[in-house]
Structure formats: C-alpha cells, structure tokens
C-alpha cells in the first residue's frame, strides 16, 4: 500500500500566462481534429453548420435574429463535442455493456437532440 500524498491538481497544470493560452489553443484544435476525424455525427453537423451559418447571414433577419440562428447552430456543435467526449470516456473505462454506461451515452444523445430541436424552433421563430 502506497503512502504517497494524493495530488490536489493534475501534474499537467504547470503552465501559466501566454504559454498556457497557447497550449490550450493547441489542445482545442487537436480536439476539433479528433472529433472531425472520428465522429460521423460531428462531421455531418459541421457540414450543416457550414451551410446554415452563411445562409443565416443572407436571410432578412435582424442582427439579433441572425445571432440567435447562428448561436443555435454552434450550440449543436458544442453539445456534440461534449457528447463525443462522454462517449469516449465511457468507452475508455470499459467497452462492456453496463446500465450506467448506457445511461450516460443516452443522456448525451438526448442533449444533442434537444440542441437540434432548438435549431428548428429558433430558426422558425426568427423567420416566421
């Protein structure tokens, strides 16, 4: 039995200032690349965002309306990234079927569904 003290924080949290910001940017870009490479749903939603965001900018809506429309689309990408992270963490722990693993994945999927419904409702309310 080890009597080493439990670390209060991750040993990887050593950088501060601009170095930390640079590292965070690189981690974020790496995460986007990993999601795009490995997640079909993220690729599909990225394609939809690439079509819908320019379309929103061309529609005759107010600035606030365009912001709501674009924000709702970006929210889908954010929620999909979080859902993918949950799925990866659950699969890292175990690939065995377990009711809690299923629950975590189903709840993440439900969050994506709600974000997609939010796009439909937001766009409809702005455009109608």
N, C-alpha and C. Protein backbone atom coordinates (compact mmCIF):
# COMPACT_ATOMS: atom_id res chain seq x y z
N UNK A 1 0.83 -1.18 0.00
CA UNK A 1 0.00 0.00 0.00
C UNK A 1 0.88 1.24 0.00
N UNK A 2 0.63 2.13 -0.95
CA UNK A 2 1.43 3.33 -1.08
C UNK A 2 0.95 4.41 -0.12
N UNK A 3 1.92 5.13 0.46
CA UNK A 3 1.58 6.21 1.37
C UNK A 3 1.92 7.57 0.79
N UNK A 4 1.97 7.63 -0.56
CA UNK A 4 2.26 8.90 -1.21
C UNK A 4 1.04 9.81 -1.09
N UNK A 5 1.29 11.11 -0.89
CA UNK A 5 0.15 12.04 -0.79
C UNK A 5 -0.60 12.11 -2.12
N UNK A 6 -1.90 12.30 -2.03
CA UNK A 6 -2.72 12.43 -3.22
C UNK A 6 -2.56 13.84 -3.77
N UNK A 7 -2.26 13.93 -5.05
CA UNK A 7 -2.07 15.24 -5.67
C UNK A 7 -3.39 16.00 -5.68
N UNK A 8 -3.33 17.27 -5.34
CA UNK A 8 -4.52 18.12 -5.31
C UNK A 8 -4.96 18.47 -6.73
N UNK A 9 -4.01 18.65 -7.64
CA UNK A 9 -4.33 19.03 -9.01
C UNK A 9 -3.54 18.14 -9.97
N UNK A 10 -3.96 18.20 -11.20
CA UNK A 10 -3.28 17.44 -12.24
C UNK A 10 -1.83 17.90 -12.36
N UNK A 11 -0.89 16.98 -12.53
CA UNK A 11 0.51 17.38 -12.71
C UNK A 11 0.73 18.07 -14.06
N UNK A 12 -0.26 18.04 -14.94
CA UNK A 12 -0.13 18.66 -16.25
C UNK A 12 -0.49 20.14 -16.24
N UNK A 13 -0.92 20.66 -15.09
CA UNK A 13 -1.35 22.06 -15.00
C UNK A 13 -0.21 22.95 -14.52
N UNK A 14 0.91 22.95 -15.20
CA UNK A 14 2.06 23.71 -14.74
C UNK A 14 2.27 25.03 -15.44
N UNK A 15 1.73 25.20 -16.62
CA UNK A 15 1.99 26.40 -17.40
C UNK A 15 1.06 27.53 -17.00
N UNK A 16 1.56 28.75 -17.13
CA UNK A 16 0.75 29.93 -16.87
C UNK A 16 0.96 30.94 -17.98
N UNK A 17 0.15 31.97 -17.98
CA UNK A 17 0.33 33.08 -18.92
C UNK A 17 0.08 32.68 -20.36
N UNK A 18 0.84 33.29 -21.26
CA UNK A 18 0.67 33.07 -22.69
C UNK A 18 0.96 31.63 -23.08
N UNK A 19 1.88 30.99 -22.40
CA UNK A 19 2.20 29.59 -22.69
C UNK A 19 0.97 28.71 -22.46
N UNK A 20 0.24 28.97 -21.39
CA UNK A 20 -0.96 28.21 -21.08
C UNK A 20 -2.02 28.44 -22.15
N UNK A 21 -2.18 29.69 -22.58
CA UNK A 21 -3.16 30.01 -23.62
C UNK A 21 -2.79 29.30 -24.92
N UNK A 22 -1.51 29.32 -25.28
CA UNK A 22 -1.04 28.64 -26.49
C UNK A 22 -1.29 27.14 -26.41
N UNK A 23 -0.98 26.55 -25.26
CA UNK A 23 -1.21 25.11 -25.07
C UNK A 23 -2.70 24.79 -25.17
N UNK A 24 -3.54 25.63 -24.53
CA UNK A 24 -4.98 25.41 -24.56
C UNK A 24 -5.51 25.48 -25.99
N UNK A 25 -5.02 26.44 -26.77
CA UNK A 25 -5.42 26.55 -28.17
C UNK A 25 -5.05 25.28 -28.93
N UNK A 26 -3.84 24.79 -28.73
CA UNK A 26 -3.41 23.57 -29.41
C UNK A 26 -4.23 22.36 -28.99
N UNK A 27 -4.56 22.26 -27.70
CA UNK A 27 -5.40 21.15 -27.24
C UNK A 27 -6.79 21.24 -27.87
N UNK A 28 -7.32 22.45 -27.95
CA UNK A 28 -8.65 22.63 -28.54
C UNK A 28 -8.66 22.26 -30.01
N UNK A 29 -7.65 22.71 -30.75
CA UNK A 29 -7.57 22.36 -32.18
C UNK A 29 -7.38 20.86 -32.37
N UNK A 30 -6.62 20.25 -31.49
CA UNK A 30 -6.43 18.80 -31.54
C UNK A 30 -7.76 18.09 -31.28
N UNK A 31 -8.54 18.61 -30.35
CA UNK A 31 -9.85 18.03 -30.06
C UNK A 31 -10.80 18.17 -31.24
N UNK A 32 -10.79 19.32 -31.90
CA UNK A 32 -11.63 19.51 -33.08
C UNK A 32 -11.23 18.54 -34.20
N UNK A 33 -9.92 18.39 -34.41
CA UNK A 33 -9.45 17.45 -35.43
C UNK A 33 -9.86 16.02 -35.09
N UNK A 34 -9.72 15.63 -33.83
CA UNK A 34 -10.08 14.28 -33.40
C UNK A 34 -11.58 14.04 -33.59
N UNK A 35 -12.39 15.01 -33.22
CA UNK A 35 -13.85 14.87 -33.37
C UNK A 35 -14.20 14.75 -34.85
N UNK A 36 -13.61 15.59 -35.67
CA UNK A 36 -13.93 15.56 -37.10
C UNK A 36 -13.49 14.24 -37.74
N UNK A 37 -12.33 13.76 -37.33
CA UNK A 37 -11.78 12.52 -37.90
C UNK A 37 -12.55 11.27 -37.44
N UNK A 38 -13.01 11.28 -36.18
CA UNK A 38 -13.54 10.05 -35.58
C UNK A 38 -15.05 10.01 -35.37
N UNK A 39 -15.73 11.13 -35.50
CA UNK A 39 -17.16 11.19 -35.17
C UNK A 39 -17.98 11.56 -36.40
N UNK A 40 -18.72 10.58 -36.93
CA UNK A 40 -19.57 10.83 -38.10
C UNK A 40 -20.58 11.94 -37.85
N UNK A 41 -21.22 11.92 -36.69
CA UNK A 41 -22.24 12.93 -36.38
C UNK A 41 -21.63 14.33 -36.37
N UNK A 42 -20.43 14.47 -35.83
CA UNK A 42 -19.79 15.79 -35.80
C UNK A 42 -19.48 16.27 -37.21
N UNK A 43 -19.03 15.36 -38.07
CA UNK A 43 -18.77 15.75 -39.47
C UNK A 43 -20.05 16.21 -40.15
N UNK A 44 -21.14 15.48 -39.94
CA UNK A 44 -22.43 15.84 -40.55
C UNK A 44 -22.91 17.20 -40.02
N UNK A 45 -22.80 17.41 -38.73
CA UNK A 45 -23.25 18.66 -38.14
C UNK A 45 -22.35 19.82 -38.54
N UNK A 46 -21.06 19.55 -38.75
CA UNK A 46 -20.15 20.59 -39.24
C UNK A 46 -20.52 21.00 -40.66
N UNK A 47 -20.88 20.03 -41.49
CA UNK A 47 -21.32 20.34 -42.85
C UNK A 47 -22.59 21.18 -42.82
N UNK A 48 -23.55 20.78 -41.99
CA UNK A 48 -24.78 21.57 -41.85
C UNK A 48 -24.48 22.98 -41.38
N UNK A 49 -23.57 23.13 -40.43
CA UNK A 49 -23.19 24.45 -39.92
C UNK A 49 -22.54 25.28 -41.03
N UNK A 50 -21.71 24.64 -41.84
CA UNK A 50 -21.05 25.35 -42.94
C UNK A 50 -22.06 25.85 -43.97
N UNK A 51 -23.19 25.18 -44.08
CA UNK A 51 -24.25 25.61 -44.99
C UNK A 51 -25.20 26.61 -44.32
N UNK A 52 -25.55 26.33 -43.08
CA UNK A 52 -26.58 27.12 -42.41
C UNK A 52 -26.08 28.49 -41.95
N UNK A 53 -24.85 28.58 -41.51
CA UNK A 53 -24.36 29.87 -40.99
C UNK A 53 -24.29 30.93 -42.10
N UNK A 54 -23.69 30.63 -43.26
CA UNK A 54 -23.73 31.65 -44.33
C UNK A 54 -25.17 31.96 -44.77
N UNK A 55 -26.03 30.93 -44.79
CA UNK A 55 -27.42 31.14 -45.17
C UNK A 55 -28.10 32.09 -44.19
N UNK A 56 -27.84 31.91 -42.89
CA UNK A 56 -28.41 32.79 -41.86
C UNK A 56 -27.98 34.23 -42.09
N UNK A 57 -26.73 34.42 -42.49
CA UNK A 57 -26.23 35.78 -42.72
C UNK A 57 -26.91 36.45 -43.91
N UNK A 58 -27.40 35.65 -44.87
CA UNK A 58 -28.05 36.20 -46.06
C UNK A 58 -29.54 36.43 -45.87
N UNK A 59 -30.13 35.84 -44.85
CA UNK A 59 -31.57 35.97 -44.65
C UNK A 59 -31.94 37.36 -44.13
N UNK A 60 -33.16 37.80 -44.45
CA UNK A 60 -33.61 39.11 -43.98
C UNK A 60 -34.07 39.06 -42.53
N UNK A 61 -33.14 38.93 -41.64
CA UNK A 61 -33.44 38.90 -40.20
C UNK A 61 -32.62 39.99 -39.53
N UNK A 62 -33.05 40.40 -38.36
CA UNK A 62 -32.30 41.41 -37.61
C UNK A 62 -30.95 40.83 -37.16
N UNK A 63 -30.11 41.69 -36.67
CA UNK A 63 -28.83 41.22 -36.14
C UNK A 63 -29.01 40.25 -35.00
N UNK A 64 -29.98 40.55 -34.14
CA UNK A 64 -30.25 39.64 -33.02
C UNK A 64 -30.81 38.32 -33.54
N UNK A 65 -31.67 38.37 -34.54
CA UNK A 65 -32.21 37.15 -35.13
C UNK A 65 -31.12 36.30 -35.73
N UNK A 66 -30.20 36.93 -36.46
CA UNK A 66 -29.08 36.19 -37.06
C UNK A 66 -28.19 35.59 -35.97
N UNK A 67 -27.99 36.35 -34.91
CA UNK A 67 -27.18 35.84 -33.78
C UNK A 67 -27.83 34.62 -33.16
N UNK A 68 -29.13 34.66 -32.97
CA UNK A 68 -29.86 33.51 -32.40
C UNK A 68 -29.75 32.31 -33.33
N UNK A 69 -29.92 32.53 -34.62
CA UNK A 69 -29.86 31.43 -35.58
C UNK A 69 -28.47 30.80 -35.61
N UNK A 70 -27.45 31.62 -35.70
CA UNK A 70 -26.07 31.11 -35.74
C UNK A 70 -25.70 30.47 -34.40
N UNK A 71 -26.09 31.11 -33.31
CA UNK A 71 -25.80 30.55 -31.98
C UNK A 71 -26.43 29.19 -31.78
N UNK A 72 -27.64 29.01 -32.29
CA UNK A 72 -28.30 27.71 -32.13
C UNK A 72 -27.56 26.62 -32.90
N UNK A 73 -27.02 26.97 -34.06
CA UNK A 73 -26.25 26.00 -34.85
C UNK A 73 -24.93 25.67 -34.15
N UNK A 74 -24.25 26.70 -33.64
CA UNK A 74 -22.99 26.46 -32.93
C UNK A 74 -23.22 25.65 -31.66
N UNK A 75 -24.37 25.85 -31.01
CA UNK A 75 -24.69 25.07 -29.82
C UNK A 75 -24.75 23.58 -30.13
N UNK A 76 -25.26 23.21 -31.29
CA UNK A 76 -25.30 21.79 -31.67
C UNK A 76 -23.88 21.24 -31.72
N UNK A 77 -22.94 21.99 -32.30
CA UNK A 77 -21.55 21.53 -32.38
C UNK A 77 -20.95 21.38 -30.98
N UNK A 78 -21.23 22.34 -30.13
CA UNK A 78 -20.70 22.28 -28.75
C UNK A 78 -21.24 21.05 -28.02
N UNK A 79 -22.54 20.84 -28.10
CA UNK A 79 -23.16 19.71 -27.40
C UNK A 79 -22.66 18.39 -27.99
N UNK A 80 -22.48 18.34 -29.30
CA UNK A 80 -21.95 17.12 -29.93
C UNK A 80 -20.53 16.83 -29.47
N UNK A 81 -19.72 17.86 -29.33
CA UNK A 81 -18.36 17.66 -28.81
C UNK A 81 -18.39 17.10 -27.39
N UNK A 82 -19.26 17.65 -26.55
CA UNK A 82 -19.38 17.14 -25.17
C UNK A 82 -19.91 15.71 -25.16
N UNK A 83 -20.88 15.42 -26.02
CA UNK A 83 -21.41 14.07 -26.11
C UNK A 83 -20.32 13.09 -26.56
N UNK A 84 -19.54 13.49 -27.53
CA UNK A 84 -18.45 12.62 -28.00
C UNK A 84 -17.42 12.39 -26.91
N UNK A 85 -17.14 13.44 -26.11
CA UNK A 85 -16.19 13.28 -25.00
C UNK A 85 -16.73 12.31 -23.95
N UNK A 86 -18.02 12.41 -23.65
CA UNK A 86 -18.64 11.47 -22.70
C UNK A 86 -18.53 10.05 -23.23
N UNK A 87 -18.87 9.85 -24.50
CA UNK A 87 -18.81 8.52 -25.08
C UNK A 87 -17.39 7.96 -25.05
N UNK A 88 -16.40 8.79 -25.38
CA UNK A 88 -15.00 8.33 -25.36
C UNK A 88 -14.57 7.96 -23.94
N UNK A 89 -14.94 8.77 -22.96
CA UNK A 89 -14.57 8.47 -21.58
C UNK A 89 -15.23 7.19 -21.09
N UNK A 90 -16.50 7.01 -21.42
CA UNK A 90 -17.21 5.78 -21.02
C UNK A 90 -16.55 4.57 -21.68
N UNK A 91 -16.24 4.67 -22.97
CA UNK A 91 -15.62 3.56 -23.66
C UNK A 91 -14.20 3.29 -23.15
N UNK A 92 -13.51 4.33 -22.69
CA UNK A 92 -12.16 4.16 -22.13
C UNK A 92 -12.22 3.35 -20.84
N UNK A 93 -13.28 3.60 -20.06
CA UNK A 93 -13.44 2.89 -18.79
C UNK A 93 -13.72 1.41 -19.06
N UNK A 94 -14.66 1.14 -19.97
CA UNK A 94 -14.99 -0.24 -20.30
C UNK A 94 -15.88 -0.29 -21.53
N UNK A 95 -15.64 -1.27 -22.37
CA UNK A 95 -16.50 -1.48 -23.54
C UNK A 95 -17.63 -2.45 -23.22
N UNK A 96 -17.61 -2.99 -21.99
CA UNK A 96 -18.68 -3.90 -21.58
C UNK A 96 -19.99 -3.14 -21.45
N UNK A 97 -21.09 -3.84 -21.75
CA UNK A 97 -22.41 -3.22 -21.60
C UNK A 97 -22.72 -3.08 -20.11
N UNK A 98 -23.11 -1.87 -19.74
CA UNK A 98 -23.47 -1.60 -18.35
C UNK A 98 -24.58 -0.56 -18.37
N UNK A 99 -25.52 -0.68 -17.48
CA UNK A 99 -26.68 0.23 -17.49
C UNK A 99 -26.26 1.68 -17.27
N UNK A 100 -25.24 1.94 -16.46
CA UNK A 100 -24.79 3.31 -16.24
C UNK A 100 -24.07 3.88 -17.47
N UNK A 101 -23.33 3.02 -18.16
CA UNK A 101 -22.68 3.46 -19.40
C UNK A 101 -23.74 3.82 -20.43
N UNK A 102 -24.76 2.97 -20.55
CA UNK A 102 -25.86 3.25 -21.48
C UNK A 102 -26.57 4.53 -21.09
N UNK A 103 -26.80 4.71 -19.80
CA UNK A 103 -27.48 5.92 -19.34
C UNK A 103 -26.68 7.17 -19.71
N UNK A 104 -25.38 7.14 -19.47
CA UNK A 104 -24.53 8.30 -19.78
C UNK A 104 -24.57 8.61 -21.27
N UNK A 105 -24.45 7.57 -22.09
CA UNK A 105 -24.48 7.78 -23.54
C UNK A 105 -25.85 8.25 -24.02
N UNK A 106 -26.90 7.68 -23.48
CA UNK A 106 -28.26 8.09 -23.87
C UNK A 106 -28.55 9.53 -23.47
N UNK A 107 -28.09 9.93 -22.30
CA UNK A 107 -28.32 11.31 -21.86
C UNK A 107 -27.54 12.28 -22.75
N UNK A 108 -26.31 11.92 -23.10
CA UNK A 108 -25.55 12.76 -24.03
C UNK A 108 -26.24 12.88 -25.37
N UNK A 109 -26.78 11.79 -25.86
CA UNK A 109 -27.51 11.79 -27.12
C UNK A 109 -28.77 12.64 -27.01
N UNK A 110 -29.45 12.58 -25.88
CA UNK A 110 -30.65 13.39 -25.66
C UNK A 110 -30.29 14.88 -25.68
N UNK A 111 -29.15 15.23 -25.15
CA UNK A 111 -28.71 16.63 -25.16
C UNK A 111 -28.52 17.11 -26.59
N UNK A 112 -27.95 16.27 -27.45
CA UNK A 112 -27.79 16.63 -28.86
C UNK A 112 -29.15 16.81 -29.52
N UNK A 113 -30.07 15.90 -29.23
CA UNK A 113 -31.42 16.00 -29.79
C UNK A 113 -32.07 17.32 -29.40
N UNK A 114 -31.97 17.70 -28.14
CA UNK A 114 -32.56 18.95 -27.68
C UNK A 114 -31.90 20.14 -28.38
N UNK A 115 -30.59 20.09 -28.58
CA UNK A 115 -29.90 21.17 -29.29
C UNK A 115 -30.39 21.26 -30.73
N UNK A 116 -30.64 20.12 -31.36
CA UNK A 116 -31.16 20.13 -32.74
C UNK A 116 -32.58 20.68 -32.79
N UNK A 117 -33.40 20.31 -31.82
CA UNK A 117 -34.76 20.86 -31.75
C UNK A 117 -34.68 22.37 -31.55
N UNK A 118 -33.73 22.81 -30.74
CA UNK A 118 -33.52 24.24 -30.50
C UNK A 118 -33.22 24.98 -31.81
N UNK A 119 -32.46 24.36 -32.71
CA UNK A 119 -32.19 24.99 -34.02
C UNK A 119 -33.49 25.19 -34.78
N UNK A 120 -34.29 24.16 -34.85
CA UNK A 120 -35.54 24.23 -35.61
C UNK A 120 -36.45 25.31 -35.01
N UNK A 121 -36.63 25.30 -33.70
CA UNK A 121 -37.50 26.26 -33.04
C UNK A 121 -36.96 27.68 -33.19
N UNK A 122 -35.66 27.87 -32.97
CA UNK A 122 -35.06 29.21 -33.08
C UNK A 122 -35.20 29.77 -34.48
N UNK A 123 -34.87 28.96 -35.48
CA UNK A 123 -34.96 29.44 -36.85
C UNK A 123 -36.42 29.75 -37.21
N UNK A 124 -37.33 28.90 -36.79
CA UNK A 124 -38.75 29.12 -37.10
C UNK A 124 -39.25 30.41 -36.46
N UNK A 125 -38.90 30.63 -35.21
CA UNK A 125 -39.36 31.85 -34.52
C UNK A 125 -38.76 33.12 -35.12
N UNK A 126 -37.52 33.04 -35.56
CA UNK A 126 -36.88 34.21 -36.17
C UNK A 126 -37.49 34.49 -37.55
N UNK A 127 -37.76 33.43 -38.29
CA UNK A 127 -38.18 33.62 -39.69
C UNK A 127 -39.69 33.76 -39.89
N UNK A 128 -40.46 33.38 -38.90
CA UNK A 128 -41.92 33.46 -39.06
C UNK A 128 -42.43 34.81 -38.57
